[in-house]
Amino acid sequence: MHNYKALKAAGKASVQKVKVVDVAKVDAVKYKDGDDIPIGLKVGDIKTGSQSEQSHEELQVACKSYDAQTGESQDDLMKAYSLSDVEREIDQRKSQVTRLEAEQADLEELEKDLKAL
């Protein structure tokens, strides 16, 4: 995330772990008086089975948001992150730094040789 460190220091960004419900819990529904009950079933038998909740945890960054025209605070902007994606981005940046440092060393050597002429 671009500028996260500064946004965090200014209190405009924070991280959180959130439970995301993929499938809500459903309690069993039983037949009652007045229902159209199929043959072989009776009042009190299960009409639809129960479903347990299915959820997962999500890592999110919350950023403060403001209306550009009025300056009024708006709902926070939420973005989900996976730790593996962030680690991969860090590795890519480290690789870029290594490459840039090598290029810098080459240019400095060239500069030194040109100045020696």
Foldseek 3Di string as FASTA:
>chain_A
DPPPVVCVVVVFKDKDKDKDWPDDWAAWDFAAPPDPDDPPDDGPHTPDHIDHIDIDIWMKMWGWDADPVPRHTDGTDIDTDDPVVVVVVVVVVVVVVVVVVVVVVVVVVVVVVVVVD
